[in-house]
């Protein structure tokens, strides 16, 4: 596929998630919850998730406002997190941060990450990387807070 066609496809995926965000809701009594804010652009997200008895994410929600990249990233993230353990969610967040810093994806990762691969092009625009990372940083905050509560 030509690069222009690939760029167009990825742009369409991002716009689809922005226009029709998945899991756009807040959950009652979530075990994972955090709010994220980017003071440079005003983007906001509120992440909530419920865990099952095996510490897997059984339900997830994310609401917010902001640019297409921040909101699409949040939507893609929620789709990817369903059924994942808290530890796997943490690893995914760390891997996404690495990708935004320029690390290449393996073919297996591209397949596993699904629509999220569309955000790989954000790296070309360093000022927008924080937009793509906002939901993921918020997820990491929710996991950290959950760990604090669990250890007390």
C-alpha atoms as a PDB file:
ATOM      1  CA  UNK A   1       0.000   0.000   0.000  1.00  0.00           C
ATOM      2  CA  UNK A   2       1.354   3.441  -0.869  1.00  0.00           C
ATOM      3  CA  UNK A   3       2.288   5.709   2.041  1.00  0.00           C
ATOM      4  CA  UNK A   4      -0.380   8.301   1.115  1.00  0.00           C
ATOM      5  CA  UNK A   5      -3.077   5.618   1.155  1.00  0.00           C
ATOM      6  CA  UNK A   6      -1.808   4.291   4.476  1.00  0.00           C
ATOM      7  CA  UNK A   7      -1.762   7.789   5.992  1.00  0.00           C
ATOM      8  CA  UNK A   8      -5.347   8.318   4.801  1.00  0.00           C
ATOM      9  CA  UNK A   9      -6.464   4.995   6.272  1.00  0.00           C
ATOM     10  CA  UNK A  10      -4.872   5.816   9.624  1.00  0.00           C
ATOM     11  CA  UNK A  11      -6.413   9.281   9.613  1.00  0.00           C
ATOM     12  CA  UNK A  12      -9.831   7.714   8.998  1.00  0.00           C
ATOM     13  CA  UNK A  13      -9.347   5.296  11.927  1.00  0.00           C
ATOM     14  CA  UNK A  14      -8.443   8.178  14.255  1.00  0.00           C
ATOM     15  CA  UNK A  15     -11.430  10.234  13.084  1.00  0.00           C
ATOM     16  CA  UNK A  16     -13.763   7.254  13.488  1.00  0.00           C
ATOM     17  CA  UNK A  17     -12.709   6.793  17.124  1.00  0.00           C
ATOM     18  CA  UNK A  18     -13.023  10.544  17.722  1.00  0.00           C
ATOM     19  CA  UNK A  19     -16.487  10.809  16.162  1.00  0.00           C
ATOM     20  CA  UNK A  20     -17.777   7.530  17.629  1.00  0.00           C
ATOM     21  CA  UNK A  21     -15.766   6.918  20.790  1.00  0.00           C
ATOM     22  CA  UNK A  22     -15.971   3.443  22.247  1.00  0.00           C
ATOM     23  CA  UNK A  23     -16.790   2.949  25.924  1.00  0.00           C
ATOM     24  CA  UNK A  24     -17.614   6.621  26.451  1.00  0.00           C
ATOM     25  CA  UNK A  25     -19.019   6.435  29.952  1.00  0.00           C
ATOM     26  CA  UNK A  26     -18.082   6.508  33.610  1.00  0.00           C
ATOM     27  CA  UNK A  27     -18.615   3.359  35.591  1.00  0.00           C
ATOM     28  CA  UNK A  28     -20.209   3.192  39.032  1.00  0.00           C
ATOM     29  CA  UNK A  29     -17.951   1.976  41.846  1.00  0.00           C
ATOM     30  CA  UNK A  30     -14.811   1.509  39.733  1.00  0.00           C
ATOM     31  CA  UNK A  31     -11.736  -0.157  41.194  1.00  0.00           C
ATOM     32  CA  UNK A  32      -9.582   1.890  38.807  1.00  0.00           C
ATOM     33  CA  UNK A  33     -10.252   5.595  38.458  1.00  0.00           C
ATOM     34  CA  UNK A  34      -8.174   8.625  37.563  1.00  0.00           C
ATOM     35  CA  UNK A  35      -8.516  11.984  35.893  1.00  0.00           C
ATOM     36  CA  UNK A  36      -5.996  13.345  33.440  1.00  0.00           C
ATOM     37  CA  UNK A  37      -5.465  16.875  32.210  1.00  0.00           C
ATOM     38  CA  UNK A  38      -3.049  18.394  29.737  1.00  0.00           C
ATOM     39  CA  UNK A  39      -2.586  22.043  30.783  1.00  0.00           C
ATOM     40  CA  UNK A  40      -0.896  22.938  27.483  1.00  0.00           C
ATOM     41  CA  UNK A  41      -3.979  22.296  25.357  1.00  0.00           C
ATOM     42  CA  UNK A  42      -6.835  21.748  27.816  1.00  0.00           C
ATOM     43  CA  UNK A  43      -7.509  18.095  26.944  1.00  0.00           C
ATOM     44  CA  UNK A  44      -9.150  16.106  29.745  1.00  0.00           C
ATOM     45  CA  UNK A  45      -9.999  12.454  30.359  1.00  0.00           C
ATOM     46  CA  UNK A  46     -11.638  10.554  33.185  1.00  0.00           C
ATOM     47  CA  UNK A  47     -10.807   6.850  33.166  1.00  0.00           C
ATOM     48  CA  UNK A  48     -12.802   4.250  35.102  1.00  0.00           C
ATOM     49  CA  UNK A  49     -12.635   0.452  35.129  1.00  0.00           C
ATOM     50  CA  UNK A  50     -14.117  -2.425  37.033  1.00  0.00           C
ATOM     51  CA  UNK A  51     -12.146  -5.565  37.772  1.00  0.00           C
ATOM     52  CA  UNK A  52     -13.333  -9.133  38.077  1.00  0.00           C
ATOM     53  CA  UNK A  53     -12.138 -11.547  40.765  1.00  0.00           C
ATOM     54  CA  UNK A  54      -9.070 -12.457  38.668  1.00  0.00           C
ATOM     55  CA  UNK A  55      -8.014  -8.765  38.518  1.00  0.00           C
ATOM     56  CA  UNK A  56      -8.975  -8.571  34.839  1.00  0.00           C
ATOM     57  CA  UNK A  57     -10.603  -5.449  33.457  1.00  0.00           C
ATOM     58  CA  UNK A  58     -14.205  -6.516  32.998  1.00  0.00           C
ATOM     59  CA  UNK A  59     -15.659  -3.110  32.185  1.00  0.00           C
ATOM     60  CA  UNK A  60     -13.999   0.102  31.129  1.00  0.00           C
ATOM     61  CA  UNK A  61     -15.035   3.658  30.452  1.00  0.00           C
ATOM     62  CA  UNK A  62     -13.385   6.898  29.504  1.00  0.00           C
ATOM     63  CA  UNK A  63     -14.959  10.300  29.049  1.00  0.00           C
ATOM     64  CA  UNK A  64     -13.312  13.545  28.189  1.00  0.00           C
ATOM     65  CA  UNK A  65     -12.948  16.476  25.918  1.00  0.00           C
ATOM     66  CA  UNK A  66     -10.171  17.624  23.687  1.00  0.00           C
ATOM     67  CA  UNK A  67      -8.544  17.124  20.338  1.00  0.00           C
ATOM     68  CA  UNK A  68      -9.186  14.217  18.007  1.00  0.00           C
ATOM     69  CA  UNK A  69      -5.890  12.555  18.924  1.00  0.00           C
ATOM     70  CA  UNK A  70      -6.427  12.555  22.692  1.00  0.00           C
ATOM     71  CA  UNK A  71     -10.008  11.360  22.451  1.00  0.00           C
ATOM     72  CA  UNK A  72      -9.317   8.744  19.762  1.00  0.00           C
ATOM     73  CA  UNK A  73      -6.390   7.408  21.778  1.00  0.00           C
ATOM     74  CA  UNK A  74      -8.675   7.062  24.816  1.00  0.00           C
ATOM     75  CA  UNK A  75     -11.263   5.207  22.747  1.00  0.00           C
ATOM     76  CA  UNK A  76      -8.666   2.852  21.281  1.00  0.00           C
ATOM     77  CA  UNK A  77      -7.165   2.260  24.705  1.00  0.00           C
ATOM     78  CA  UNK A  78     -10.491   1.225  26.222  1.00  0.00           C
ATOM     79  CA  UNK A  79     -11.053  -1.304  23.443  1.00  0.00           C
ATOM     80  CA  UNK A  80      -7.623  -2.809  23.981  1.00  0.00           C
ATOM     81  CA  UNK A  81      -7.949  -3.038  27.772  1.00  0.00           C
ATOM     82  CA  UNK A  82     -11.077  -5.189  27.970  1.00  0.00           C
ATOM     83  CA  UNK A  83     -10.225  -8.558  29.466  1.00  0.00           C
ATOM     84  CA  UNK A  84      -6.634  -7.604  30.291  1.00  0.00           C
ATOM     85  CA  UNK A  85      -5.109  -8.025  33.736  1.00  0.00           C
ATOM     86  CA  UNK A  86      -4.016  -4.913  35.591  1.00  0.00           C
ATOM     87  CA  UNK A  87      -0.392  -5.972  35.062  1.00  0.00           C
ATOM     88  CA  UNK A  88      -0.944  -6.394  31.317  1.00  0.00           C
ATOM     89  CA  UNK A  89      -2.680  -2.984  31.159  1.00  0.00           C
ATOM     90  CA  UNK A  90       0.346  -1.452  32.865  1.00  0.00           C
ATOM     91  CA  UNK A  91       2.685  -3.134  30.371  1.00  0.00           C
ATOM     92  CA  UNK A  92       0.568  -1.914  27.444  1.00  0.00           C
ATOM     93  CA  UNK A  93       0.736   1.657  28.754  1.00  0.00           C
ATOM     94  CA  UNK A  94       4.513   1.431  29.056  1.00  0.00           C
ATOM     95  CA  UNK A  95       4.816  -0.052  25.561  1.00  0.00           C
ATOM     96  CA  UNK A  96       2.619   2.673  24.065  1.00  0.00           C
ATOM     97  CA  UNK A  97       4.849   5.298  25.671  1.00  0.00           C
ATOM     98  CA  UNK A  98       7.885   3.578  24.105  1.00  0.00           C
ATOM     99  CA  UNK A  99       6.165   3.629  20.704  1.00  0.00           C
ATOM    100  CA  UNK A 100       5.492   7.342  21.044  1.00  0.00           C
ATOM    101  CA  UNK A 101       9.196   7.785  21.790  1.00  0.00           C
ATOM    102  CA  UNK A 102      10.093   6.173  18.468  1.00  0.00           C
ATOM    103  CA  UNK A 103      10.479   2.464  19.147  1.00  0.00           C
ATOM    104  CA  UNK A 104       9.388   0.270  16.257  1.00  0.00           C
ATOM    105  CA  UNK A 105       6.551  -2.206  16.494  1.00  0.00           C
ATOM    106  CA  UNK A 106       7.014  -5.861  15.694  1.00  0.00           C
ATOM    107  CA  UNK A 107       4.531  -7.501  13.308  1.00  0.00           C
ATOM    108  CA  UNK A 108       3.000  -9.323  16.281  1.00  0.00           C
ATOM    109  CA  UNK A 109       2.583  -6.063  18.199  1.00  0.00           C
ATOM    110  CA  UNK A 110       0.955  -4.379  15.211  1.00  0.00           C
ATOM    111  CA  UNK A 111      -1.606  -7.163  15.045  1.00  0.00           C
ATOM    112  CA  UNK A 112      -2.200  -7.181  18.821  1.00  0.00           C
ATOM    113  CA  UNK A 113      -2.563  -3.391  19.070  1.00  0.00           C
ATOM    114  CA  UNK A 114      -5.204  -3.165  16.344  1.00  0.00           C
ATOM    115  CA  UNK A 115      -6.461   0.370  15.669  1.00  0.00           C
ATOM    116  CA  UNK A 116      -3.900   1.828  18.071  1.00  0.00           C
ATOM    117  CA  UNK A 117      -1.266   1.436  15.349  1.00  0.00           C
ATOM    118  CA  UNK A 118      -2.942   4.383  13.602  1.00  0.00           C
ATOM    119  CA  UNK A 119      -1.443   6.669  16.257  1.00  0.00           C
ATOM    120  CA  UNK A 120       2.115   5.677  15.387  1.00  0.00           C
ATOM    121  CA  UNK A 121       2.226   8.610  12.951  1.00  0.00           C
ATOM    122  CA  UNK A 122       1.763  11.073  15.819  1.00  0.00           C
ATOM    123  CA  UNK A 123       5.497  10.713  16.463  1.00  0.00           C
ATOM    124  CA  UNK A 124       6.067  12.964  13.435  1.00  0.00           C
ATOM    125  CA  UNK A 125       4.469  15.794  15.446  1.00  0.00           C
ATOM    126  CA  UNK A 126       6.228  15.900  18.847  1.00  0.00           C
ATOM    127  CA  UNK A 127       3.859  18.494  20.264  1.00  0.00           C
ATOM    128  CA  UNK A 128       0.953  16.048  19.763  1.00  0.00           C
ATOM    129  CA  UNK A 129       2.573  13.112  21.539  1.00  0.00           C
ATOM    130  CA  UNK A 130       1.228  14.338  24.894  1.00  0.00           C
ATOM    131  CA  UNK A 131      -2.254  14.282  23.352  1.00  0.00           C
ATOM    132  CA  UNK A 132      -1.868  10.628  22.361  1.00  0.00           C
ATOM    133  CA  UNK A 133      -0.412   9.732  25.777  1.00  0.00           C
ATOM    134  CA  UNK A 134      -2.980  11.505  27.977  1.00  0.00           C
ATOM    135  CA  UNK A 135      -5.362   8.556  28.435  1.00  0.00           C
ATOM    136  CA  UNK A 136      -2.439   6.168  28.919  1.00  0.00           C
ATOM    137  CA  UNK A 137      -0.806   8.332  31.580  1.00  0.00           C
ATOM    138  CA  UNK A 138      -4.204   8.548  33.264  1.00  0.00           C
ATOM    139  CA  UNK A 139      -4.497   4.747  33.155  1.00  0.00           C
ATOM    140  CA  UNK A 140      -1.071   4.461  34.793  1.00  0.00           C
ATOM    141  CA  UNK A 141      -2.232   6.854  37.525  1.00  0.00           C
ATOM    142  CA  UNK A 142      -5.327   4.730  38.125  1.00  0.00           C
ATOM    143  CA  UNK A 143      -3.186   1.586  38.398  1.00  0.00           C
ATOM    144  CA  UNK A 144      -0.750   3.266  40.804  1.00  0.00           C
ATOM    145  CA  UNK A 145      -3.608   4.481  43.016  1.00  0.00           C
ATOM    146  CA  UNK A 146      -5.215   1.026  42.952  1.00  0.00           C
ATOM    147  CA  UNK A 147      -1.911  -0.498  44.083  1.00  0.00           C
ATOM    148  CA  UNK A 148      -1.666   1.994  46.953  1.00  0.00           C
ATOM    149  CA  UNK A 149      -5.183   1.171  48.147  1.00  0.00           C
ATOM    150  CA  UNK A 150      -4.569  -2.576  47.844  1.00  0.00           C
ATOM    151  CA  UNK A 151      -1.389  -2.396  49.964  1.00  0.00           C
ATOM    152  CA  UNK A 152      -3.023  -0.564  52.880  1.00  0.00           C
END
